[in-house]
Amino acid sequence: MQLEIRPDPTEVGRARRWARSRLAGLGIAADEPLAETLILLVSELVTNAVVHTGHAAVLRLSLPGAATGAAEAAGTPAAATVRVEVADSSSRAPVPRCAGGDATGGRGLALVDCLADRWGWSPEGAGKSIWCELDRCSQPGESAAVAYGCGLSAYEGLAFEVV
């Protein structure tokens, strides 16, 4: 599934709504930890593409089917990976930058690094693709708010900018 993103900051909200609707179609409620984290990751990656490139981008989601069968009956989520990918026309690699404590931005990729199970980037055509993955096997009750604090102290004083 993919969504074309215009180089306009209002597209970030549209991308979040689109991702929520895709999750709902799989039976993943908006208040589930996976959904909360996924929407935050979509928001961060789309914001970086829109703000730092000034060009259109493409948001791609790879969502496996919702948990079913014995795993669901046992209360265990199905082991599957959700992938978020944003492709833009800038070939410049993600570059770390420092953001002061009062800065209102610049922490996007630190959040992605903390919340995602894996993330990276690769050249794509004349531009690049930045991706992250979440495994659908986290413990129930874990949320983006809890995960936000995990290891973020390692990034204190640093911020990342995607250009």
N, C-alpha and C. Protein backbone atom coordinates (compact mmCIF):
# COMPACT_ATOMS: atom_id res chain seq x y z
N MET A 1 0.85 -1.17 0.00
CA MET A 1 0.00 0.00 0.00
C MET A 1 0.89 1.23 0.00
N GLN A 2 0.50 2.25 -0.75
CA GLN A 2 1.29 3.46 -0.75
C GLN A 2 0.42 4.69 -0.91
N LEU A 3 0.96 5.80 -0.45
CA LEU A 3 0.27 7.09 -0.49
C LEU A 3 1.25 8.13 -0.99
N GLU A 4 0.84 8.89 -2.01
CA GLU A 4 1.64 10.00 -2.52
C GLU A 4 1.52 11.15 -1.53
N ILE A 5 2.65 11.74 -1.18
CA ILE A 5 2.71 12.84 -0.22
C ILE A 5 3.19 14.09 -0.95
N ARG A 6 2.41 15.16 -0.88
CA ARG A 6 2.82 16.45 -1.46
C ARG A 6 3.80 17.13 -0.50
N PRO A 7 4.63 18.04 -0.99
CA PRO A 7 5.58 18.75 -0.12
C PRO A 7 4.89 19.86 0.68
N ASP A 8 3.99 19.46 1.55
CA ASP A 8 3.18 20.39 2.33
C ASP A 8 3.03 19.80 3.73
N PRO A 9 3.35 20.58 4.78
CA PRO A 9 3.27 20.05 6.14
C PRO A 9 1.90 19.47 6.53
N THR A 10 0.82 19.93 5.88
CA THR A 10 -0.49 19.37 6.22
C THR A 10 -0.61 17.91 5.77
N GLU A 11 0.28 17.47 4.93
CA GLU A 11 0.27 16.08 4.47
C GLU A 11 0.60 15.10 5.59
N VAL A 12 1.28 15.57 6.62
CA VAL A 12 1.64 14.69 7.73
C VAL A 12 0.36 14.16 8.39
N GLY A 13 -0.59 15.03 8.65
CA GLY A 13 -1.86 14.61 9.24
C GLY A 13 -2.61 13.66 8.32
N ARG A 14 -2.59 13.93 7.03
CA ARG A 14 -3.26 13.04 6.06
C ARG A 14 -2.59 11.67 6.07
N ALA A 15 -1.27 11.64 6.16
CA ALA A 15 -0.55 10.36 6.20
C ALA A 15 -0.92 9.56 7.45
N ARG A 16 -1.05 10.25 8.60
CA ARG A 16 -1.46 9.55 9.83
C ARG A 16 -2.86 8.98 9.69
N ARG A 17 -3.79 9.76 9.15
CA ARG A 17 -5.17 9.28 8.97
C ARG A 17 -5.20 8.08 8.02
N TRP A 18 -4.44 8.15 6.95
CA TRP A 18 -4.38 7.06 5.98
C TRP A 18 -3.85 5.79 6.65
N ALA A 19 -2.76 5.93 7.41
CA ALA A 19 -2.18 4.76 8.08
C ALA A 19 -3.17 4.18 9.09
N ARG A 20 -3.87 5.04 9.85
CA ARG A 20 -4.86 4.54 10.81
C ARG A 20 -5.96 3.75 10.10
N SER A 21 -6.38 4.25 8.94
CA SER A 21 -7.45 3.54 8.22
C SER A 21 -6.96 2.18 7.73
N ARG A 22 -5.71 2.08 7.32
CA ARG A 22 -5.16 0.79 6.90
C ARG A 22 -5.11 -0.18 8.07
N LEU A 23 -4.69 0.33 9.24
CA LEU A 23 -4.65 -0.52 10.43
C LEU A 23 -6.05 -0.98 10.82
N ALA A 24 -7.00 -0.06 10.80
CA ALA A 24 -8.38 -0.41 11.15
C ALA A 24 -8.91 -1.50 10.23
N GLY A 25 -8.53 -1.43 8.96
CA GLY A 25 -8.95 -2.45 8.00
C GLY A 25 -8.42 -3.83 8.34
N LEU A 26 -7.36 -3.89 9.12
CA LEU A 26 -6.80 -5.17 9.56
C LEU A 26 -7.29 -5.55 10.94
N GLY A 27 -8.16 -4.73 11.53
CA GLY A 27 -8.67 -5.02 12.86
C GLY A 27 -7.74 -4.58 13.97
N ILE A 28 -6.79 -3.70 13.67
CA ILE A 28 -5.88 -3.18 14.69
C ILE A 28 -6.44 -1.85 15.17
N ALA A 29 -6.88 -1.81 16.42
CA ALA A 29 -7.51 -0.61 16.98
C ALA A 29 -6.49 0.51 17.14
N ALA A 30 -6.96 1.75 17.01
CA ALA A 30 -6.10 2.92 17.10
C ALA A 30 -5.39 3.04 18.43
N ASP A 31 -5.97 2.46 19.50
CA ASP A 31 -5.35 2.58 20.82
C ASP A 31 -4.45 1.39 21.17
N GLU A 32 -4.26 0.46 20.24
CA GLU A 32 -3.34 -0.65 20.48
C GLU A 32 -1.91 -0.13 20.43
N PRO A 33 -1.02 -0.69 21.24
CA PRO A 33 0.37 -0.22 21.24
C PRO A 33 1.01 -0.21 19.86
N LEU A 34 0.77 -1.25 19.06
CA LEU A 34 1.34 -1.31 17.72
C LEU A 34 0.88 -0.10 16.90
N ALA A 35 -0.41 0.21 16.96
CA ALA A 35 -0.95 1.32 16.18
C ALA A 35 -0.38 2.65 16.65
N GLU A 36 -0.32 2.86 17.97
CA GLU A 36 0.22 4.11 18.50
C GLU A 36 1.66 4.33 18.03
N THR A 37 2.46 3.30 18.12
CA THR A 37 3.86 3.40 17.73
C THR A 37 3.99 3.59 16.23
N LEU A 38 3.23 2.82 15.46
CA LEU A 38 3.29 2.92 14.02
C LEU A 38 2.91 4.32 13.54
N ILE A 39 1.86 4.89 14.10
CA ILE A 39 1.42 6.23 13.69
C ILE A 39 2.49 7.26 14.03
N LEU A 40 3.15 7.13 15.16
CA LEU A 40 4.23 8.06 15.50
C LEU A 40 5.38 7.92 14.50
N LEU A 41 5.72 6.70 14.13
CA LEU A 41 6.79 6.48 13.16
C LEU A 41 6.43 7.06 11.79
N VAL A 42 5.20 6.85 11.35
CA VAL A 42 4.73 7.44 10.09
C VAL A 42 4.88 8.95 10.16
N SER A 43 4.42 9.53 11.26
CA SER A 43 4.47 10.97 11.43
C SER A 43 5.90 11.51 11.34
N GLU A 44 6.82 10.85 12.02
CA GLU A 44 8.22 11.31 12.02
C GLU A 44 8.85 11.20 10.63
N LEU A 45 8.68 10.06 9.96
CA LEU A 45 9.32 9.88 8.66
C LEU A 45 8.72 10.78 7.60
N VAL A 46 7.39 10.96 7.60
CA VAL A 46 6.76 11.84 6.63
C VAL A 46 7.14 13.30 6.91
N THR A 47 7.16 13.68 8.17
CA THR A 47 7.57 15.05 8.52
C THR A 47 8.97 15.33 8.00
N ASN A 48 9.90 14.40 8.23
CA ASN A 48 11.26 14.61 7.76
C ASN A 48 11.31 14.79 6.25
N ALA A 49 10.58 13.96 5.53
CA ALA A 49 10.59 14.06 4.06
C ALA A 49 10.01 15.40 3.61
N VAL A 50 8.90 15.81 4.19
CA VAL A 50 8.23 17.04 3.77
C VAL A 50 9.04 18.28 4.14
N VAL A 51 9.53 18.31 5.37
CA VAL A 51 10.23 19.49 5.87
C VAL A 51 11.62 19.64 5.27
N HIS A 52 12.35 18.54 5.16
CA HIS A 52 13.76 18.65 4.79
C HIS A 52 14.05 18.52 3.30
N THR A 53 13.11 18.03 2.51
CA THR A 53 13.39 17.92 1.07
C THR A 53 12.63 18.95 0.25
N GLY A 54 11.44 19.34 0.69
CA GLY A 54 10.64 20.28 -0.09
C GLY A 54 10.10 19.67 -1.38
N HIS A 55 10.13 18.35 -1.48
CA HIS A 55 9.65 17.66 -2.68
C HIS A 55 8.62 16.61 -2.27
N ALA A 56 7.89 16.12 -3.25
CA ALA A 56 6.92 15.06 -3.00
C ALA A 56 7.63 13.81 -2.51
N ALA A 57 6.88 12.96 -1.83
CA ALA A 57 7.42 11.71 -1.31
C ALA A 57 6.34 10.63 -1.45
N VAL A 58 6.72 9.42 -1.16
CA VAL A 58 5.78 8.30 -1.19
C VAL A 58 5.90 7.55 0.13
N LEU A 59 4.77 7.39 0.80
CA LEU A 59 4.69 6.60 2.03
C LEU A 59 4.22 5.21 1.64
N ARG A 60 4.95 4.19 2.09
CA ARG A 60 4.57 2.81 1.84
C ARG A 60 4.41 2.09 3.17
N LEU A 61 3.37 1.29 3.26
CA LEU A 61 3.15 0.44 4.44
C LEU A 61 3.06 -1.00 3.98
N SER A 62 3.75 -1.84 4.69
CA SER A 62 3.64 -3.27 4.48
C SER A 62 3.08 -3.84 5.77
N LEU A 63 1.80 -4.22 5.73
CA LEU A 63 1.10 -4.67 6.93
C LEU A 63 0.64 -6.10 6.76
N PRO A 64 1.17 -7.01 7.57
CA PRO A 64 0.69 -8.39 7.52
C PRO A 64 -0.73 -8.46 8.08
N GLY A 65 -1.41 -9.56 7.83
CA GLY A 65 -2.76 -9.74 8.35
C GLY A 65 -2.81 -9.68 9.87
N ALA A 66 -3.96 -9.34 10.41
CA ALA A 66 -4.13 -9.26 11.86
C ALA A 66 -3.96 -10.64 12.48
N ALA A 67 -3.65 -10.66 13.76
CA ALA A 67 -3.46 -11.93 14.48
C ALA A 67 -4.73 -12.77 14.42
N THR A 68 -4.55 -14.04 14.18
CA THR A 68 -5.70 -14.94 14.10
C THR A 68 -5.37 -16.27 14.74
N GLY A 69 -6.39 -17.08 14.83
CA GLY A 69 -6.20 -18.48 15.22
C GLY A 69 -5.73 -18.68 16.64
N ALA A 70 -4.91 -19.70 16.86
CA ALA A 70 -4.47 -20.10 18.19
C ALA A 70 -3.70 -18.99 18.90
N ALA A 71 -2.87 -18.25 18.18
CA ALA A 71 -2.09 -17.19 18.82
C ALA A 71 -3.02 -16.13 19.41
N GLU A 72 -4.04 -15.75 18.65
CA GLU A 72 -4.98 -14.74 19.14
C GLU A 72 -5.78 -15.29 20.31
N ALA A 73 -6.20 -16.54 20.21
CA ALA A 73 -6.99 -17.15 21.28
C ALA A 73 -6.18 -17.21 22.57
N ALA A 74 -4.87 -17.39 22.45
CA ALA A 74 -4.00 -17.46 23.62
C ALA A 74 -3.61 -16.08 24.12
N GLY A 75 -4.06 -15.04 23.41
CA GLY A 75 -3.72 -13.68 23.82
C GLY A 75 -2.34 -13.26 23.38
N THR A 76 -1.72 -14.00 22.47
CA THR A 76 -0.39 -13.67 21.97
C THR A 76 -0.51 -13.12 20.56
N PRO A 77 0.06 -11.93 20.30
CA PRO A 77 -0.01 -11.39 18.94
C PRO A 77 0.76 -12.28 17.97
N ALA A 78 0.30 -12.31 16.74
CA ALA A 78 1.02 -13.06 15.73
C ALA A 78 2.37 -12.42 15.49
N ALA A 79 3.40 -13.25 15.32
CA ALA A 79 4.73 -12.73 15.02
C ALA A 79 4.75 -12.33 13.56
N ALA A 80 4.80 -11.06 13.29
CA ALA A 80 4.84 -10.54 11.94
C ALA A 80 5.49 -9.17 12.00
N THR A 81 5.97 -8.71 10.87
CA THR A 81 6.66 -7.43 10.81
C THR A 81 5.84 -6.43 10.02
N VAL A 82 5.74 -5.22 10.57
CA VAL A 82 5.10 -4.10 9.91
C VAL A 82 6.23 -3.19 9.45
N ARG A 83 6.18 -2.78 8.19
CA ARG A 83 7.24 -1.94 7.63
C ARG A 83 6.65 -0.61 7.16
N VAL A 84 7.30 0.48 7.56
CA VAL A 84 6.97 1.83 7.13
C VAL A 84 8.15 2.31 6.30
N GLU A 85 7.86 2.87 5.15
CA GLU A 85 8.93 3.33 4.27
C GLU A 85 8.50 4.65 3.64
N VAL A 86 9.40 5.62 3.61
CA VAL A 86 9.14 6.89 2.96
C VAL A 86 10.25 7.13 1.95
N ALA A 87 9.88 7.25 0.69
CA ALA A 87 10.84 7.51 -0.38
C ALA A 87 10.70 8.97 -0.79
N ASP A 88 11.84 9.65 -0.94
CA ASP A 88 11.82 11.04 -1.39
C ASP A 88 12.87 11.22 -2.47
N SER A 89 12.93 12.41 -3.04
CA SER A 89 13.82 12.65 -4.18
C SER A 89 15.18 13.20 -3.78
N SER A 90 15.47 13.30 -2.50
CA SER A 90 16.78 13.76 -2.05
C SER A 90 17.71 12.56 -1.88
N SER A 91 18.89 12.65 -2.45
CA SER A 91 19.84 11.54 -2.32
C SER A 91 20.73 11.69 -1.10
N ARG A 92 20.59 12.78 -0.36
CA ARG A 92 21.43 13.01 0.82
C ARG A 92 21.05 12.08 1.96
N ALA A 93 22.05 11.52 2.58
CA ALA A 93 21.85 10.58 3.69
C ALA A 93 21.35 11.31 4.92
N PRO A 94 20.69 10.59 5.82
CA PRO A 94 20.32 11.18 7.11
C PRO A 94 21.59 11.66 7.82
N VAL A 95 21.55 12.87 8.34
CA VAL A 95 22.72 13.47 8.98
C VAL A 95 22.39 13.83 10.43
N PRO A 96 23.18 13.35 11.38
CA PRO A 96 22.92 13.73 12.78
C PRO A 96 23.18 15.22 12.98
N ARG A 97 22.38 15.85 13.81
CA ARG A 97 22.61 17.24 14.19
C ARG A 97 22.21 17.41 15.64
N CYS A 98 22.75 18.39 16.27
CA CYS A 98 22.44 18.65 17.68
C CYS A 98 21.23 19.56 17.78
N ALA A 99 20.34 19.25 18.69
CA ALA A 99 19.19 20.10 18.97
C ALA A 99 19.25 20.46 20.44
N GLY A 100 19.16 21.74 20.72
CA GLY A 100 19.18 22.18 22.10
C GLY A 100 17.94 21.70 22.85
N GLY A 101 18.00 21.79 24.17
CA GLY A 101 16.88 21.35 25.00
C GLY A 101 15.59 22.10 24.72
N ASP A 102 15.68 23.33 24.24
CA ASP A 102 14.49 24.12 23.94
C ASP A 102 14.03 24.00 22.49
N ALA A 103 14.78 23.28 21.67
CA ALA A 103 14.42 23.14 20.26
C ALA A 103 13.08 22.44 20.11
N THR A 104 12.30 22.88 19.15
CA THR A 104 10.98 22.27 18.93
C THR A 104 11.02 21.15 17.90
N GLY A 105 12.14 20.87 17.33
CA GLY A 105 12.26 19.80 16.35
C GLY A 105 13.65 19.21 16.39
N GLY A 106 13.90 18.30 15.48
CA GLY A 106 15.22 17.73 15.34
C GLY A 106 15.46 16.43 16.06
N ARG A 107 14.42 15.82 16.57
CA ARG A 107 14.60 14.56 17.30
C ARG A 107 13.95 13.36 16.61
N GLY A 108 13.51 13.56 15.38
CA GLY A 108 12.74 12.54 14.67
C GLY A 108 13.41 11.19 14.56
N LEU A 109 14.64 11.16 14.05
CA LEU A 109 15.27 9.86 13.87
C LEU A 109 15.73 9.25 15.18
N ALA A 110 15.94 10.05 16.22
CA ALA A 110 16.22 9.48 17.54
C ALA A 110 14.99 8.72 18.03
N LEU A 111 13.80 9.28 17.77
CA LEU A 111 12.56 8.58 18.12
C LEU A 111 12.41 7.30 17.31
N VAL A 112 12.67 7.40 16.02
CA VAL A 112 12.57 6.22 15.16
C VAL A 112 13.52 5.13 15.65
N ASP A 113 14.74 5.51 15.99
CA ASP A 113 15.72 4.55 16.47
C ASP A 113 15.26 3.88 17.76
N CYS A 114 14.62 4.65 18.61
CA CYS A 114 14.16 4.12 19.89
C CYS A 114 12.93 3.22 19.74
N LEU A 115 12.00 3.62 18.90
CA LEU A 115 10.71 2.94 18.82
C LEU A 115 10.69 1.74 17.86
N ALA A 116 11.46 1.82 16.79
CA ALA A 116 11.44 0.75 15.79
C ALA A 116 12.36 -0.39 16.20
N ASP A 117 12.03 -1.58 15.75
CA ASP A 117 12.90 -2.73 15.98
C ASP A 117 14.13 -2.65 15.07
N ARG A 118 13.94 -2.09 13.90
CA ARG A 118 15.02 -1.89 12.94
C ARG A 118 14.69 -0.66 12.11
N TRP A 119 15.71 0.03 11.62
CA TRP A 119 15.48 1.11 10.67
C TRP A 119 16.75 1.32 9.86
N GLY A 120 16.60 1.97 8.73
CA GLY A 120 17.75 2.27 7.89
C GLY A 120 17.32 3.09 6.70
N TRP A 121 18.22 3.23 5.79
CA TRP A 121 17.91 3.96 4.55
C TRP A 121 18.74 3.37 3.43
N SER A 122 18.29 3.59 2.20
CA SER A 122 19.03 3.12 1.04
C SER A 122 18.71 4.03 -0.14
N PRO A 123 19.64 4.11 -1.08
CA PRO A 123 19.36 4.88 -2.30
C PRO A 123 18.17 4.26 -3.03
N GLU A 124 17.36 5.11 -3.63
CA GLU A 124 16.24 4.64 -4.44
C GLU A 124 16.10 5.59 -5.62
N GLY A 125 16.41 5.11 -6.79
CA GLY A 125 16.39 5.96 -7.97
C GLY A 125 17.34 7.13 -7.76
N ALA A 126 16.86 8.35 -8.02
CA ALA A 126 17.67 9.55 -7.81
C ALA A 126 17.60 10.02 -6.36
N GLY A 127 16.77 9.37 -5.53
CA GLY A 127 16.60 9.79 -4.15
C GLY A 127 16.97 8.70 -3.18
N LYS A 128 16.19 8.60 -2.12
CA LYS A 128 16.45 7.59 -1.09
C LYS A 128 15.14 7.11 -0.50
N SER A 129 15.25 6.02 0.22
CA SER A 129 14.12 5.47 0.96
C SER A 129 14.57 5.27 2.40
N ILE A 130 13.80 5.79 3.33
CA ILE A 130 14.07 5.58 4.75
C ILE A 130 12.96 4.66 5.26
N TRP A 131 13.35 3.62 5.97
CA TRP A 131 12.38 2.61 6.40
C TRP A 131 12.58 2.28 7.86
N CYS A 132 11.54 1.74 8.45
CA CYS A 132 11.64 1.18 9.79
C CYS A 132 10.67 0.01 9.88
N GLU A 133 10.96 -0.89 10.82
CA GLU A 133 10.12 -2.07 10.99
C GLU A 133 9.78 -2.27 12.46
N LEU A 134 8.56 -2.74 12.68
CA LEU A 134 8.09 -3.13 14.00
C LEU A 134 7.68 -4.58 13.95
N ASP A 135 8.10 -5.34 14.92
CA ASP A 135 7.68 -6.73 15.01
C ASP A 135 6.40 -6.79 15.84
N ARG A 136 5.40 -7.50 15.34
CA ARG A 136 4.12 -7.63 16.07
C ARG A 136 4.22 -8.70 17.14
N CYS A 137 5.21 -8.54 18.01
CA CYS A 137 5.35 -9.53 19.07
C CYS A 137 5.71 -8.84 20.38
N SER A 138 5.46 -7.51 20.48
CA SER A 138 5.76 -6.81 21.72
C SER A 138 4.74 -7.20 22.79
N GLN A 139 5.11 -7.01 24.03
CA GLN A 139 4.24 -7.38 25.14
C GLN A 139 3.02 -6.48 25.21
N PRO A 140 1.84 -7.02 25.53
CA PRO A 140 0.66 -6.19 25.70
C PRO A 140 0.91 -5.15 26.79
N GLY A 141 0.34 -3.97 26.60
CA GLY A 141 0.47 -2.91 27.58
C GLY A 141 1.63 -1.99 27.29
N GLU A 142 2.53 -2.39 26.42
CA GLU A 142 3.62 -1.52 26.02
C GLU A 142 3.05 -0.45 25.11
N SER A 143 3.46 0.78 25.25
CA SER A 143 2.92 1.84 24.40
C SER A 143 4.03 2.73 23.91
N ALA A 144 3.70 3.60 22.97
CA ALA A 144 4.68 4.54 22.45
C ALA A 144 5.22 5.41 23.57
N ALA A 145 4.38 5.77 24.52
CA ALA A 145 4.83 6.61 25.63
C ALA A 145 5.88 5.88 26.47
N VAL A 146 5.68 4.59 26.71
CA VAL A 146 6.64 3.80 27.46
C VAL A 146 7.90 3.59 26.62
N ALA A 147 7.71 3.23 25.36
CA ALA A 147 8.85 2.94 24.49
C ALA A 147 9.68 4.19 24.24
N TYR A 148 9.08 5.36 24.27
CA TYR A 148 9.79 6.60 24.01
C TYR A 148 10.99 6.74 24.93
N GLY A 149 10.85 6.33 26.17
CA GLY A 149 11.94 6.48 27.13
C GLY A 149 13.02 5.44 27.00
N CYS A 150 12.79 4.37 26.29
CA CYS A 150 13.76 3.28 26.22
C CYS A 150 14.99 3.70 25.43
N GLY A 151 16.06 3.93 26.13
CA GLY A 151 17.32 4.22 25.46
C GLY A 151 17.44 5.62 24.90
N LEU A 152 16.45 6.47 25.08
CA LEU A 152 16.52 7.80 24.50
C LEU A 152 17.62 8.63 25.14
N SER A 153 18.02 8.30 26.37
CA SER A 153 19.08 9.07 27.02
C SER A 153 20.38 9.00 26.23
N ALA A 154 20.57 7.96 25.46
CA ALA A 154 21.77 7.85 24.63
C ALA A 154 21.79 8.93 23.56
N TYR A 155 20.63 9.52 23.28
CA TYR A 155 20.53 10.53 22.23
C TYR A 155 20.39 11.94 22.79
N GLU A 156 20.49 12.08 24.11
CA GLU A 156 20.34 13.40 24.71
C GLU A 156 21.39 14.34 24.12
N GLY A 157 20.94 15.51 23.68
CA GLY A 157 21.84 16.48 23.08
C GLY A 157 22.04 16.27 21.60
N LEU A 158 21.55 15.16 21.05
CA LEU A 158 21.68 14.90 19.62
C LEU A 158 20.31 14.91 18.98
N ALA A 159 20.28 15.26 17.74
CA ALA A 159 19.06 15.18 16.95
C ALA A 159 19.47 14.73 15.56
N PHE A 160 18.53 14.27 14.79
CA PHE A 160 18.84 13.79 13.46
C PHE A 160 17.99 14.53 12.46
N GLU A 161 18.59 14.83 11.34
CA GLU A 161 17.89 15.54 10.30
C GLU A 161 18.00 14.72 9.03
N VAL A 162 16.90 14.57 8.34
CA VAL A 162 16.91 13.86 7.06
C VAL A 162 16.81 14.91 5.98
N VAL A 163 17.78 14.94 5.11
CA VAL A 163 17.78 15.93 4.03
C VAL A 163 17.97 15.27 2.70
